[in-house]
């Protein structure tokens, strides 16, 4: 039986997540790199392989969107910073994704869209129309949301005879994250309290929409109709000066934040997602240590913890890459992980 031809893949953005994805596409069997879209002028014209520390791949990075749209490719790994991160309009991401879908390329994105239905019929109709024009599919994924706060809890509920409450916690340490744009400008670490609230307003809006998708997806999968999704957040101030990869955190500036998203039914919590971000977990004792936790209250009650994911960005990239084949094989339209086979590490096993 002849083997299937490699899937032609475009890498859209090569930042913290995209760089890991690009390396996987180049090095793994079953994929041909078709093109690379970059935002940094210093990356334009560079070979894609050399960009991620590999041998030349024979594909030159470009910032020309029209050139990417004109390529023949099966899938685009769409991994820029979401436009809404920095106060932009989510419509910008929707427009880009629709253009890619309409051009005949399936899209896997890490900018949200884990459950686009949470944004209402207008967004869904635009995305579905683009899929119909291109005969393509859209899939949103990541590590959280995209796995920890939705897929994994749903898997556990398969053991439930009665389900009372779902609780998911992420605690992340940003000590080694190199991007000041993310750590300071977006999340707000090292900002004075008087500047923090205004500075993180775009991040707050993005977080609310992102985790609303996740909670709504779980509710829909379990046949639950939510009345609302409640969001709260708070922050912690540093008591000493310390250095992280993105810069210096001074005493009296923000060094950690905690976000809570709760889906309510008749004023009772159905699902709660807690997100804790620390500039340096060794310097912030308040709140939980880094890792993930899931508690399912009911009959039976279940609890699991994941003490460490050594590199969450690499995990997010891998989850997207591992979904390429199933997304390309799926019928046209919005495809959440409820519509696709389980994404596994097939093709990644390395045995001595």
C-alpha atoms as a PDB file:
ATOM      1  CA  UNK A   1       0.000   0.000   0.000  1.00  0.00           C
ATOM      2  CA  UNK A   2       1.575   3.330  -1.041  1.00  0.00           C
ATOM      3  CA  UNK A   3       2.301   5.807   1.703  1.00  0.00           C
ATOM      4  CA  UNK A   4       0.469   9.121   1.813  1.00  0.00           C
ATOM      5  CA  UNK A   5       2.353  12.162   0.517  1.00  0.00           C
ATOM      6  CA  UNK A   6       3.663  14.545   3.185  1.00  0.00           C
ATOM      7  CA  UNK A   7       1.308  17.277   4.349  1.00  0.00           C
ATOM      8  CA  UNK A   8       2.441  20.725   3.287  1.00  0.00           C
ATOM      9  CA  UNK A   9       2.456  23.028   6.319  1.00  0.00           C
ATOM     10  CA  UNK A  10       2.865  26.791   6.689  1.00  0.00           C
ATOM     11  CA  UNK A  11       4.219  28.195   9.943  1.00  0.00           C
ATOM     12  CA  UNK A  12       2.578  31.557  10.717  1.00  0.00           C
ATOM     13  CA  UNK A  13       4.722  33.399  13.312  1.00  0.00           C
ATOM     14  CA  UNK A  14       7.888  32.063  14.917  1.00  0.00           C
ATOM     15  CA  UNK A  15       7.771  33.432  18.463  1.00  0.00           C
ATOM     16  CA  UNK A  16       7.740  31.545  21.740  1.00  0.00           C
ATOM     17  CA  UNK A  17       5.262  28.894  20.555  1.00  0.00           C
ATOM     18  CA  UNK A  18       5.757  29.118  16.798  1.00  0.00           C
ATOM     19  CA  UNK A  19       9.477  28.426  17.016  1.00  0.00           C
ATOM     20  CA  UNK A  20       8.845  25.067  18.667  1.00  0.00           C
ATOM     21  CA  UNK A  21       6.194  24.204  16.094  1.00  0.00           C
ATOM     22  CA  UNK A  22       8.488  25.160  13.217  1.00  0.00           C
ATOM     23  CA  UNK A  23      11.237  22.900  14.518  1.00  0.00           C
ATOM     24  CA  UNK A  24       8.780  19.976  14.710  1.00  0.00           C
ATOM     25  CA  UNK A  25       7.461  20.521  11.180  1.00  0.00           C
ATOM     26  CA  UNK A  26      11.009  20.553   9.790  1.00  0.00           C
ATOM     27  CA  UNK A  27      12.264  17.512  11.684  1.00  0.00           C
ATOM     28  CA  UNK A  28       9.263  15.162  11.741  1.00  0.00           C
ATOM     29  CA  UNK A  29       8.318  12.750   8.996  1.00  0.00           C
ATOM     30  CA  UNK A  30       5.020  13.311   7.263  1.00  0.00           C
ATOM     31  CA  UNK A  31       5.369  17.084   6.869  1.00  0.00           C
ATOM     32  CA  UNK A  32       6.850  19.371   4.216  1.00  0.00           C
ATOM     33  CA  UNK A  33       7.421  22.981   5.202  1.00  0.00           C
ATOM     34  CA  UNK A  34       5.668  25.109   2.568  1.00  0.00           C
ATOM     35  CA  UNK A  35       6.308  28.592   3.940  1.00  0.00           C
ATOM     36  CA  UNK A  36       6.988  30.727   7.006  1.00  0.00           C
ATOM     37  CA  UNK A  37       5.380  34.077   7.888  1.00  0.00           C
ATOM     38  CA  UNK A  38       7.377  36.237  10.337  1.00  0.00           C
ATOM     39  CA  UNK A  39       6.736  39.613  11.972  1.00  0.00           C
ATOM     40  CA  UNK A  40      10.269  40.562  13.011  1.00  0.00           C
ATOM     41  CA  UNK A  41      12.094  42.420  10.180  1.00  0.00           C
ATOM     42  CA  UNK A  42      15.347  40.771  11.288  1.00  0.00           C
ATOM     43  CA  UNK A  43      13.882  37.355  10.432  1.00  0.00           C
ATOM     44  CA  UNK A  44      12.759  38.275   6.911  1.00  0.00           C
ATOM     45  CA  UNK A  45      14.961  36.598   4.299  1.00  0.00           C
ATOM     46  CA  UNK A  46      16.439  34.048   6.701  1.00  0.00           C
ATOM     47  CA  UNK A  47      16.275  30.313   6.112  1.00  0.00           C
ATOM     48  CA  UNK A  48      13.583  28.716   8.289  1.00  0.00           C
ATOM     49  CA  UNK A  49      15.835  25.920   9.510  1.00  0.00           C
ATOM     50  CA  UNK A  50      18.653  28.236  10.520  1.00  0.00           C
ATOM     51  CA  UNK A  51      16.115  30.397  12.346  1.00  0.00           C
ATOM     52  CA  UNK A  52      15.503  27.573  14.848  1.00  0.00           C
ATOM     53  CA  UNK A  53      19.065  26.268  15.018  1.00  0.00           C
ATOM     54  CA  UNK A  54      18.759  23.512  12.393  1.00  0.00           C
ATOM     55  CA  UNK A  55      20.401  22.888   9.033  1.00  0.00           C
ATOM     56  CA  UNK A  56      19.034  24.951   6.136  1.00  0.00           C
ATOM     57  CA  UNK A  57      15.489  23.897   5.259  1.00  0.00           C
ATOM     58  CA  UNK A  58      15.359  25.595   1.875  1.00  0.00           C
ATOM     59  CA  UNK A  59      12.392  27.778   2.856  1.00  0.00           C
ATOM     60  CA  UNK A  60      12.931  31.512   3.242  1.00  0.00           C
ATOM     61  CA  UNK A  61      10.951  33.466   5.851  1.00  0.00           C
ATOM     62  CA  UNK A  62       8.728  36.260   4.594  1.00  0.00           C
ATOM     63  CA  UNK A  63       6.473  38.968   5.975  1.00  0.00           C
ATOM     64  CA  UNK A  64       4.405  39.052   2.776  1.00  0.00           C
ATOM     65  CA  UNK A  65       0.900  37.870   3.685  1.00  0.00           C
ATOM     66  CA  UNK A  66      -0.222  37.691   0.057  1.00  0.00           C
ATOM     67  CA  UNK A  67       2.696  35.388  -0.739  1.00  0.00           C
ATOM     68  CA  UNK A  68       1.597  33.039   2.028  1.00  0.00           C
ATOM     69  CA  UNK A  69      -2.045  33.139   0.922  1.00  0.00           C
ATOM     70  CA  UNK A  70      -0.987  32.195  -2.618  1.00  0.00           C
ATOM     71  CA  UNK A  71       0.951  29.110  -1.506  1.00  0.00           C
ATOM     72  CA  UNK A  72      -0.344  25.602  -2.093  1.00  0.00           C
ATOM     73  CA  UNK A  73      -0.487  24.088   1.386  1.00  0.00           C
ATOM     74  CA  UNK A  74      -2.615  21.730   3.430  1.00  0.00           C
ATOM     75  CA  UNK A  75      -2.436  23.485   6.790  1.00  0.00           C
ATOM     76  CA  UNK A  76      -1.344  26.693   8.502  1.00  0.00           C
ATOM     77  CA  UNK A  77      -0.092  26.657  12.083  1.00  0.00           C
ATOM     78  CA  UNK A  78      -1.354  30.113  13.073  1.00  0.00           C
ATOM     79  CA  UNK A  79       0.595  31.178  16.183  1.00  0.00           C
ATOM     80  CA  UNK A  80       0.965  34.961  16.478  1.00  0.00           C
ATOM     81  CA  UNK A  81       0.258  36.897  19.646  1.00  0.00           C
ATOM     82  CA  UNK A  82      -3.511  37.462  19.568  1.00  0.00           C
ATOM     83  CA  UNK A  83      -4.442  40.961  18.409  1.00  0.00           C
ATOM     84  CA  UNK A  84      -6.583  41.443  21.511  1.00  0.00           C
ATOM     85  CA  UNK A  85      -3.517  40.876  23.747  1.00  0.00           C
ATOM     86  CA  UNK A  86      -2.582  44.503  23.289  1.00  0.00           C
ATOM     87  CA  UNK A  87      -5.920  46.200  22.950  1.00  0.00           C
ATOM     88  CA  UNK A  88      -6.560  45.262  19.337  1.00  0.00           C
ATOM     89  CA  UNK A  89      -9.805  43.919  17.973  1.00  0.00           C
ATOM     90  CA  UNK A  90     -10.442  40.173  17.868  1.00  0.00           C
ATOM     91  CA  UNK A  91     -11.866  40.850  14.416  1.00  0.00           C
ATOM     92  CA  UNK A  92      -8.269  41.198  13.190  1.00  0.00           C
ATOM     93  CA  UNK A  93      -7.548  37.563  14.034  1.00  0.00           C
ATOM     94  CA  UNK A  94     -10.891  36.469  12.592  1.00  0.00           C
ATOM     95  CA  UNK A  95     -10.142  38.309   9.334  1.00  0.00           C
ATOM     96  CA  UNK A  96      -6.713  36.685   8.993  1.00  0.00           C
ATOM     97  CA  UNK A  97      -8.022  33.222   9.796  1.00  0.00           C
ATOM     98  CA  UNK A  98     -10.905  33.619   7.346  1.00  0.00           C
ATOM     99  CA  UNK A  99      -8.491  34.660   4.584  1.00  0.00           C
ATOM    100  CA  UNK A 100      -6.362  31.575   5.204  1.00  0.00           C
ATOM    101  CA  UNK A 101      -9.375  29.267   5.290  1.00  0.00           C
ATOM    102  CA  UNK A 102     -10.799  30.791   2.121  1.00  0.00           C
ATOM    103  CA  UNK A 103      -7.467  30.255   0.348  1.00  0.00           C
ATOM    104  CA  UNK A 104      -7.851  26.502   0.721  1.00  0.00           C
ATOM    105  CA  UNK A 105      -5.707  25.944   3.798  1.00  0.00           C
ATOM    106  CA  UNK A 106      -6.840  24.294   7.020  1.00  0.00           C
ATOM    107  CA  UNK A 107      -5.945  26.387  10.060  1.00  0.00           C
ATOM    108  CA  UNK A 108      -4.810  25.331  13.517  1.00  0.00           C
ATOM    109  CA  UNK A 109      -4.512  28.344  15.802  1.00  0.00           C
ATOM    110  CA  UNK A 110      -3.241  28.987  19.320  1.00  0.00           C
ATOM    111  CA  UNK A 111      -4.879  32.434  19.529  1.00  0.00           C
ATOM    112  CA  UNK A 112      -8.086  31.071  21.042  1.00  0.00           C
ATOM    113  CA  UNK A 113     -10.996  29.686  18.986  1.00  0.00           C
ATOM    114  CA  UNK A 114     -11.015  26.505  21.074  1.00  0.00           C
ATOM    115  CA  UNK A 115     -14.797  26.996  21.045  1.00  0.00           C
ATOM    116  CA  UNK A 116     -15.667  29.868  18.665  1.00  0.00           C
ATOM    117  CA  UNK A 117     -19.366  29.399  19.403  1.00  0.00           C
ATOM    118  CA  UNK A 118     -18.731  31.308  22.634  1.00  0.00           C
ATOM    119  CA  UNK A 119     -18.342  34.495  20.551  1.00  0.00           C
ATOM    120  CA  UNK A 120     -21.838  34.307  19.134  1.00  0.00           C
ATOM    121  CA  UNK A 121     -23.421  33.501  15.772  1.00  0.00           C
ATOM    122  CA  UNK A 122     -21.774  36.391  13.900  1.00  0.00           C
ATOM    123  CA  UNK A 123     -18.232  35.050  14.357  1.00  0.00           C
ATOM    124  CA  UNK A 124     -19.348  31.462  13.767  1.00  0.00           C
ATOM    125  CA  UNK A 125     -21.090  32.388  10.511  1.00  0.00           C
ATOM    126  CA  UNK A 126     -17.991  34.202   9.194  1.00  0.00           C
ATOM    127  CA  UNK A 127     -15.703  31.298  10.037  1.00  0.00           C
ATOM    128  CA  UNK A 128     -18.054  28.655   8.644  1.00  0.00           C
ATOM    129  CA  UNK A 129     -18.499  30.643   5.429  1.00  0.00           C
ATOM    130  CA  UNK A 130     -14.714  30.848   4.988  1.00  0.00           C
ATOM    131  CA  UNK A 131     -14.421  27.106   5.598  1.00  0.00           C
ATOM    132  CA  UNK A 132     -17.107  26.453   2.984  1.00  0.00           C
ATOM    133  CA  UNK A 133     -15.335  28.655   0.420  1.00  0.00           C
ATOM    134  CA  UNK A 134     -12.000  26.926   0.921  1.00  0.00           C
ATOM    135  CA  UNK A 135     -13.226  23.423   1.709  1.00  0.00           C
ATOM    136  CA  UNK A 136     -11.224  23.698   4.928  1.00  0.00           C
ATOM    137  CA  UNK A 137     -11.404  23.308   8.702  1.00  0.00           C
ATOM    138  CA  UNK A 138     -10.495  25.477  11.701  1.00  0.00           C
ATOM    139  CA  UNK A 139      -9.209  24.081  14.993  1.00  0.00           C
ATOM    140  CA  UNK A 140      -8.169  26.052  18.081  1.00  0.00           C
ATOM    141  CA  UNK A 141      -5.821  24.407  20.529  1.00  0.00           C
ATOM    142  CA  UNK A 142      -3.072  24.933  23.101  1.00  0.00           C
ATOM    143  CA  UNK A 143      -2.171  23.672  26.549  1.00  0.00           C
ATOM    144  CA  UNK A 144      -4.524  25.843  28.624  1.00  0.00           C
ATOM    145  CA  UNK A 145      -7.124  26.293  27.204  1.00  0.00           C
ATOM    146  CA  UNK A 146      -6.996  23.489  24.683  1.00  0.00           C
ATOM    147  CA  UNK A 147      -6.062  20.656  27.015  1.00  0.00           C
ATOM    148  CA  UNK A 148      -5.821  21.244  30.775  1.00  0.00           C
ATOM    149  CA  UNK A 149      -8.997  23.257  31.333  1.00  0.00           C
ATOM    150  CA  UNK A 150     -11.260  21.457  28.900  1.00  0.00           C
ATOM    151  CA  UNK A 151     -10.120  18.194  27.302  1.00  0.00           C
ATOM    152  CA  UNK A 152      -8.634  16.611  30.429  1.00  0.00           C
ATOM    153  CA  UNK A 153     -11.579  17.461  32.758  1.00  0.00           C
ATOM    154  CA  UNK A 154     -14.016  16.118  30.183  1.00  0.00           C
ATOM    155  CA  UNK A 155     -12.095  12.846  29.981  1.00  0.00           C
ATOM    156  CA  UNK A 156     -12.360  12.486  33.771  1.00  0.00           C
ATOM    157  CA  UNK A 157     -16.112  13.097  33.751  1.00  0.00           C
ATOM    158  CA  UNK A 158     -16.467   9.852  31.842  1.00  0.00           C
ATOM    159  CA  UNK A 159     -16.153   8.199  35.271  1.00  0.00           C
ATOM    160  CA  UNK A 160     -18.899  10.339  36.833  1.00  0.00           C
ATOM    161  CA  UNK A 161     -22.232   8.981  38.028  1.00  0.00           C
ATOM    162  CA  UNK A 162     -23.047  12.408  39.517  1.00  0.00           C
ATOM    163  CA  UNK A 163     -21.234  15.647  38.738  1.00  0.00           C
ATOM    164  CA  UNK A 164     -21.413  18.595  41.142  1.00  0.00           C
ATOM    165  CA  UNK A 165     -18.496  20.857  40.281  1.00  0.00           C
ATOM    166  CA  UNK A 166     -15.387  20.960  38.064  1.00  0.00           C
ATOM    167  CA  UNK A 167     -12.335  22.860  39.291  1.00  0.00           C
ATOM    168  CA  UNK A 168      -9.163  23.420  37.254  1.00  0.00           C
ATOM    169  CA  UNK A 169      -6.069  25.274  38.445  1.00  0.00           C
ATOM    170  CA  UNK A 170      -3.027  26.411  36.519  1.00  0.00           C
ATOM    171  CA  UNK A 171      -0.053  27.935  38.330  1.00  0.00           C
ATOM    172  CA  UNK A 172       2.748  29.161  36.069  1.00  0.00           C
ATOM    173  CA  UNK A 173       6.231  30.483  36.799  1.00  0.00           C
ATOM    174  CA  UNK A 174       7.428  33.204  34.409  1.00  0.00           C
ATOM    175  CA  UNK A 175      10.941  33.428  35.831  1.00  0.00           C
ATOM    176  CA  UNK A 176      12.504  32.055  32.649  1.00  0.00           C
ATOM    177  CA  UNK A 177      10.158  33.647  30.102  1.00  0.00           C
ATOM    178  CA  UNK A 178      12.361  35.933  27.972  1.00  0.00           C
ATOM    179  CA  UNK A 179       9.718  38.256  26.536  1.00  0.00           C
ATOM    180  CA  UNK A 180       9.300  41.584  28.316  1.00  0.00           C
ATOM    181  CA  UNK A 181       6.415  42.226  25.935  1.00  0.00           C
ATOM    182  CA  UNK A 182       4.537  39.317  27.502  1.00  0.00           C
ATOM    183  CA  UNK A 183       5.755  39.446  31.101  1.00  0.00           C
ATOM    184  CA  UNK A 184       5.608  43.204  31.706  1.00  0.00           C
ATOM    185  CA  UNK A 185       3.553  44.845  28.959  1.00  0.00           C
ATOM    186  CA  UNK A 186       0.873  42.157  28.885  1.00  0.00           C
ATOM    187  CA  UNK A 187       0.697  40.386  32.270  1.00  0.00           C
ATOM    188  CA  UNK A 188       1.867  43.458  34.193  1.00  0.00           C
ATOM    189  CA  UNK A 189       4.726  42.116  36.306  1.00  0.00           C
ATOM    190  CA  UNK A 190       7.122  44.809  37.610  1.00  0.00           C
ATOM    191  CA  UNK A 191       4.475  47.519  37.179  1.00  0.00           C
ATOM    192  CA  UNK A 192       3.510  49.828  40.016  1.00  0.00           C
ATOM    193  CA  UNK A 193      -0.009  49.218  41.391  1.00  0.00           C
ATOM    194  CA  UNK A 194      -1.234  52.588  40.085  1.00  0.00           C
ATOM    195  CA  UNK A 195      -0.249  51.573  36.544  1.00  0.00           C
ATOM    196  CA  UNK A 196      -1.227  47.935  36.717  1.00  0.00           C
ATOM    197  CA  UNK A 197      -5.021  48.123  36.346  1.00  0.00           C
ATOM    198  CA  UNK A 198      -4.897  50.196  33.178  1.00  0.00           C
ATOM    199  CA  UNK A 199      -1.960  48.334  31.688  1.00  0.00           C
ATOM    200  CA  UNK A 200      -3.542  44.884  31.926  1.00  0.00           C
ATOM    201  CA  UNK A 201      -6.964  45.931  30.639  1.00  0.00           C
ATOM    202  CA  UNK A 202      -6.377  44.256  27.230  1.00  0.00           C
ATOM    203  CA  UNK A 203      -5.056  41.131  28.962  1.00  0.00           C
ATOM    204  CA  UNK A 204      -8.098  41.049  31.234  1.00  0.00           C
ATOM    205  CA  UNK A 205     -10.435  41.188  28.241  1.00  0.00           C
ATOM    206  CA  UNK A 206      -8.459  38.502  26.440  1.00  0.00           C
ATOM    207  CA  UNK A 207      -8.387  36.218  29.486  1.00  0.00           C
ATOM    208  CA  UNK A 208     -12.116  36.603  29.988  1.00  0.00           C
ATOM    209  CA  UNK A 209     -12.916  35.670  26.390  1.00  0.00           C
ATOM    210  CA  UNK A 210     -10.363  32.851  26.249  1.00  0.00           C
ATOM    211  CA  UNK A 211     -11.486  31.013  29.369  1.00  0.00           C
ATOM    212  CA  UNK A 212     -15.141  31.716  28.615  1.00  0.00           C
ATOM    213  CA  UNK A 213     -14.567  29.595  25.508  1.00  0.00           C
ATOM    214  CA  UNK A 214     -13.113  26.804  27.602  1.00  0.00           C
ATOM    215  CA  UNK A 215     -15.856  26.804  30.239  1.00  0.00           C
ATOM    216  CA  UNK A 216     -18.571  27.064  27.596  1.00  0.00           C
ATOM    217  CA  UNK A 217     -17.119  24.146  25.648  1.00  0.00           C
ATOM    218  CA  UNK A 218     -17.158  21.902  28.722  1.00  0.00           C
ATOM    219  CA  UNK A 219     -20.700  22.991  29.583  1.00  0.00           C
ATOM    220  CA  UNK A 220     -21.926  22.289  26.061  1.00  0.00           C
ATOM    221  CA  UNK A 221     -20.244  18.884  25.984  1.00  0.00           C
ATOM    222  CA  UNK A 222     -21.998  17.963  29.254  1.00  0.00           C
ATOM    223  CA  UNK A 223     -25.394  19.335  28.243  1.00  0.00           C
ATOM    224  CA  UNK A 224     -25.305  22.230  30.724  1.00  0.00           C
ATOM    225  CA  UNK A 225     -26.720  25.678  29.924  1.00  0.00           C
ATOM    226  CA  UNK A 226     -24.776  28.423  31.702  1.00  0.00           C
ATOM    227  CA  UNK A 227     -26.421  31.579  32.979  1.00  0.00           C
ATOM    228  CA  UNK A 228     -23.175  33.580  33.050  1.00  0.00           C
ATOM    229  CA  UNK A 229     -19.411  33.360  33.451  1.00  0.00           C
ATOM    230  CA  UNK A 230     -18.063  35.384  36.359  1.00  0.00           C
ATOM    231  CA  UNK A 231     -14.481  36.701  36.398  1.00  0.00           C
ATOM    232  CA  UNK A 232     -12.381  38.092  39.260  1.00  0.00           C
ATOM    233  CA  UNK A 233      -8.685  38.871  39.578  1.00  0.00           C
ATOM    234  CA  UNK A 234      -6.211  40.119  42.169  1.00  0.00           C
ATOM    235  CA  UNK A 235      -2.459  40.700  42.409  1.00  0.00           C
ATOM    236  CA  UNK A 236       0.474  40.442  44.821  1.00  0.00           C
ATOM    237  CA  UNK A 237       3.314  42.926  45.366  1.00  0.00           C
ATOM    238  CA  UNK A 238       6.998  42.064  45.633  1.00  0.00           C
ATOM    239  CA  UNK A 239       8.666  42.502  49.039  1.00  0.00           C
ATOM    240  CA  UNK A 240      12.214  42.440  47.639  1.00  0.00           C
ATOM    241  CA  UNK A 241      14.080  43.129  44.421  1.00  0.00           C
ATOM    242  CA  UNK A 242      14.777  40.149  42.178  1.00  0.00           C
ATOM    243  CA  UNK A 243      15.734  39.477  38.599  1.00  0.00           C
ATOM    244  CA  UNK A 244      13.896  37.364  36.042  1.00  0.00           C
ATOM    245  CA  UNK A 245      14.670  36.686  32.383  1.00  0.00           C
ATOM    246  CA  UNK A 246      12.426  39.549  31.254  1.00  0.00           C
ATOM    247  CA  UNK A 247      13.961  42.149  33.600  1.00  0.00           C
ATOM    248  CA  UNK A 248      14.049  43.290  37.212  1.00  0.00           C
ATOM    249  CA  UNK A 249      11.109  43.217  39.629  1.00  0.00           C
ATOM    250  CA  UNK A 250      11.355  45.960  42.263  1.00  0.00           C
ATOM    251  CA  UNK A 251       9.839  45.982  45.767  1.00  0.00           C
ATOM    252  CA  UNK A 252       6.274  47.294  45.763  1.00  0.00           C
ATOM    253  CA  UNK A 253       5.589  46.311  42.144  1.00  0.00           C
ATOM    254  CA  UNK A 254       3.311  43.543  40.911  1.00  0.00           C
ATOM    255  CA  UNK A 255       4.952  40.114  41.040  1.00  0.00           C
ATOM    256  CA  UNK A 256       1.984  37.723  40.775  1.00  0.00           C
ATOM    257  CA  UNK A 257      -1.677  37.632  39.775  1.00  0.00           C
ATOM    258  CA  UNK A 258      -4.591  35.284  40.278  1.00  0.00           C
ATOM    259  CA  UNK A 259      -7.593  35.003  37.949  1.00  0.00           C
ATOM    260  CA  UNK A 260     -10.844  33.120  38.562  1.00  0.00           C
ATOM    261  CA  UNK A 261     -13.427  32.224  35.908  1.00  0.00           C
ATOM    262  CA  UNK A 262     -16.624  30.556  37.076  1.00  0.00           C
ATOM    263  CA  UNK A 263     -19.504  29.273  34.979  1.00  0.00           C
ATOM    264  CA  UNK A 264     -22.740  29.712  36.957  1.00  0.00           C
ATOM    265  CA  UNK A 265     -26.050  27.870  36.762  1.00  0.00           C
ATOM    266  CA  UNK A 266     -28.817  29.376  38.901  1.00  0.00           C
ATOM    267  CA  UNK A 267     -26.099  31.233  40.854  1.00  0.00           C
ATOM    268  CA  UNK A 268     -24.289  27.992  41.672  1.00  0.00           C
ATOM    269  CA  UNK A 269     -20.791  27.241  40.305  1.00  0.00           C
ATOM    270  CA  UNK A 270     -20.706  24.536  37.656  1.00  0.00           C
ATOM    271  CA  UNK A 271     -17.056  24.976  36.672  1.00  0.00           C
ATOM    272  CA  UNK A 272     -14.224  27.101  38.049  1.00  0.00           C
ATOM    273  CA  UNK A 273     -10.900  27.796  36.350  1.00  0.00           C
ATOM    274  CA  UNK A 274      -8.174  29.372  38.503  1.00  0.00           C
ATOM    275  CA  UNK A 275      -5.086  30.810  36.800  1.00  0.00           C
ATOM    276  CA  UNK A 276      -2.080  31.848  38.898  1.00  0.00           C
ATOM    277  CA  UNK A 277       0.868  33.619  37.303  1.00  0.00           C
ATOM    278  CA  UNK A 278       4.098  34.303  39.214  1.00  0.00           C
ATOM    279  CA  UNK A 279       7.092  36.336  38.123  1.00  0.00           C
ATOM    280  CA  UNK A 280       9.255  33.937  40.153  1.00  0.00           C
ATOM    281  CA  UNK A 281       7.578  31.173  42.143  1.00  0.00           C
ATOM    282  CA  UNK A 282      10.503  31.038  44.580  1.00  0.00           C
ATOM    283  CA  UNK A 283       9.871  34.687  45.492  1.00  0.00           C
ATOM    284  CA  UNK A 284       6.070  34.446  45.762  1.00  0.00           C
ATOM    285  CA  UNK A 285       4.764  32.206  48.533  1.00  0.00           C
ATOM    286  CA  UNK A 286       1.117  33.184  48.168  1.00  0.00           C
ATOM    287  CA  UNK A 287      -1.147  30.869  46.162  1.00  0.00           C
ATOM    288  CA  UNK A 288      -0.378  27.439  44.790  1.00  0.00           C
ATOM    289  CA  UNK A 289       2.989  26.230  43.550  1.00  0.00           C
ATOM    290  CA  UNK A 290       3.516  25.772  39.792  1.00  0.00           C
ATOM    291  CA  UNK A 291       1.638  22.915  38.174  1.00  0.00           C
ATOM    292  CA  UNK A 292      -1.882  21.911  37.239  1.00  0.00           C
ATOM    293  CA  UNK A 293      -4.689  20.477  39.341  1.00  0.00           C
ATOM    294  CA  UNK A 294      -8.123  19.133  38.429  1.00  0.00           C
ATOM    295  CA  UNK A 295     -10.851  18.276  40.943  1.00  0.00           C
ATOM    296  CA  UNK A 296     -14.141  16.677  39.965  1.00  0.00           C
ATOM    297  CA  UNK A 297     -16.655  16.860  42.807  1.00  0.00           C
ATOM    298  CA  UNK A 298     -19.497  14.334  42.707  1.00  0.00           C
ATOM    299  CA  UNK A 299     -19.809  10.583  42.691  1.00  0.00           C
ATOM    300  CA  UNK A 300     -17.041   9.584  42.610  1.00  0.00           C
ATOM    301  CA  UNK A 301     -14.915  12.579  43.589  1.00  0.00           C
ATOM    302  CA  UNK A 302     -11.659  12.694  41.632  1.00  0.00           C
ATOM    303  CA  UNK A 303      -8.481  14.747  41.861  1.00  0.00           C
ATOM    304  CA  UNK A 304      -5.327  14.736  39.777  1.00  0.00           C
ATOM    305  CA  UNK A 305      -2.264  16.971  39.884  1.00  0.00           C
ATOM    306  CA  UNK A 306       0.469  17.533  37.337  1.00  0.00           C
ATOM    307  CA  UNK A 307       3.385  18.883  39.323  1.00  0.00           C
ATOM    308  CA  UNK A 308       5.426  19.937  36.326  1.00  0.00           C
ATOM    309  CA  UNK A 309       5.187  20.592  32.632  1.00  0.00           C
ATOM    310  CA  UNK A 310       8.814  21.456  32.000  1.00  0.00           C
ATOM    311  CA  UNK A 311       7.982  23.721  29.065  1.00  0.00           C
ATOM    312  CA  UNK A 312       4.376  24.720  28.532  1.00  0.00           C
ATOM    313  CA  UNK A 313       5.134  26.602  25.313  1.00  0.00           C
ATOM    314  CA  UNK A 314       6.625  23.467  23.770  1.00  0.00           C
ATOM    315  CA  UNK A 315       3.565  21.520  24.907  1.00  0.00           C
ATOM    316  CA  UNK A 316       1.197  24.003  23.299  1.00  0.00           C
ATOM    317  CA  UNK A 317       3.134  23.804  20.025  1.00  0.00           C
ATOM    318  CA  UNK A 318       3.211  20.007  20.107  1.00  0.00           C
ATOM    319  CA  UNK A 319      -0.531  19.755  20.705  1.00  0.00           C
ATOM    320  CA  UNK A 320      -1.073  21.810  17.549  1.00  0.00           C
ATOM    321  CA  UNK A 321       1.425  19.850  15.435  1.00  0.00           C
ATOM    322  CA  UNK A 322      -0.020  16.549  16.634  1.00  0.00           C
ATOM    323  CA  UNK A 323      -3.447  17.694  15.412  1.00  0.00           C
ATOM    324  CA  UNK A 324      -2.412  18.482  11.824  1.00  0.00           C
ATOM    325  CA  UNK A 325      -3.290  15.140  10.247  1.00  0.00           C
ATOM    326  CA  UNK A 326      -6.755  14.874  11.810  1.00  0.00           C
ATOM    327  CA  UNK A 327      -7.647  18.492  11.006  1.00  0.00           C
ATOM    328  CA  UNK A 328      -6.606  18.032   7.387  1.00  0.00           C
ATOM    329  CA  UNK A 329      -8.737  14.879   7.180  1.00  0.00           C
ATOM    330  CA  UNK A 330     -11.800  16.454   8.835  1.00  0.00           C
ATOM    331  CA  UNK A 331     -14.886  17.686   6.946  1.00  0.00           C
ATOM    332  CA  UNK A 332     -14.934  21.446   6.313  1.00  0.00           C
ATOM    333  CA  UNK A 333     -16.039  23.672   9.180  1.00  0.00           C
ATOM    334  CA  UNK A 334     -15.180  24.613  12.752  1.00  0.00           C
ATOM    335  CA  UNK A 335     -13.718  21.535  14.399  1.00  0.00           C
ATOM    336  CA  UNK A 336     -13.170  21.484  18.175  1.00  0.00           C
ATOM    337  CA  UNK A 337     -11.499  18.547  19.880  1.00  0.00           C
ATOM    338  CA  UNK A 338     -15.031  17.176  20.374  1.00  0.00           C
ATOM    339  CA  UNK A 339     -15.126  16.616  16.602  1.00  0.00           C
ATOM    340  CA  UNK A 340     -11.647  15.161  16.100  1.00  0.00           C
ATOM    341  CA  UNK A 341      -9.795  11.983  17.057  1.00  0.00           C
ATOM    342  CA  UNK A 342      -7.630  12.255  20.160  1.00  0.00           C
ATOM    343  CA  UNK A 343      -4.367  14.080  19.404  1.00  0.00           C
ATOM    344  CA  UNK A 344      -1.499  11.824  20.454  1.00  0.00           C
ATOM    345  CA  UNK A 345       2.277  11.842  20.146  1.00  0.00           C
ATOM    346  CA  UNK A 346       2.254   9.392  17.254  1.00  0.00           C
ATOM    347  CA  UNK A 347       5.452   9.890  15.291  1.00  0.00           C
ATOM    348  CA  UNK A 348       7.344  11.388  18.226  1.00  0.00           C
ATOM    349  CA  UNK A 349       8.481   8.205  19.994  1.00  0.00           C
ATOM    350  CA  UNK A 350      12.261   7.937  20.342  1.00  0.00           C
ATOM    351  CA  UNK A 351      13.518   4.608  21.667  1.00  0.00           C
ATOM    352  CA  UNK A 352      17.155   3.710  22.330  1.00  0.00           C
END
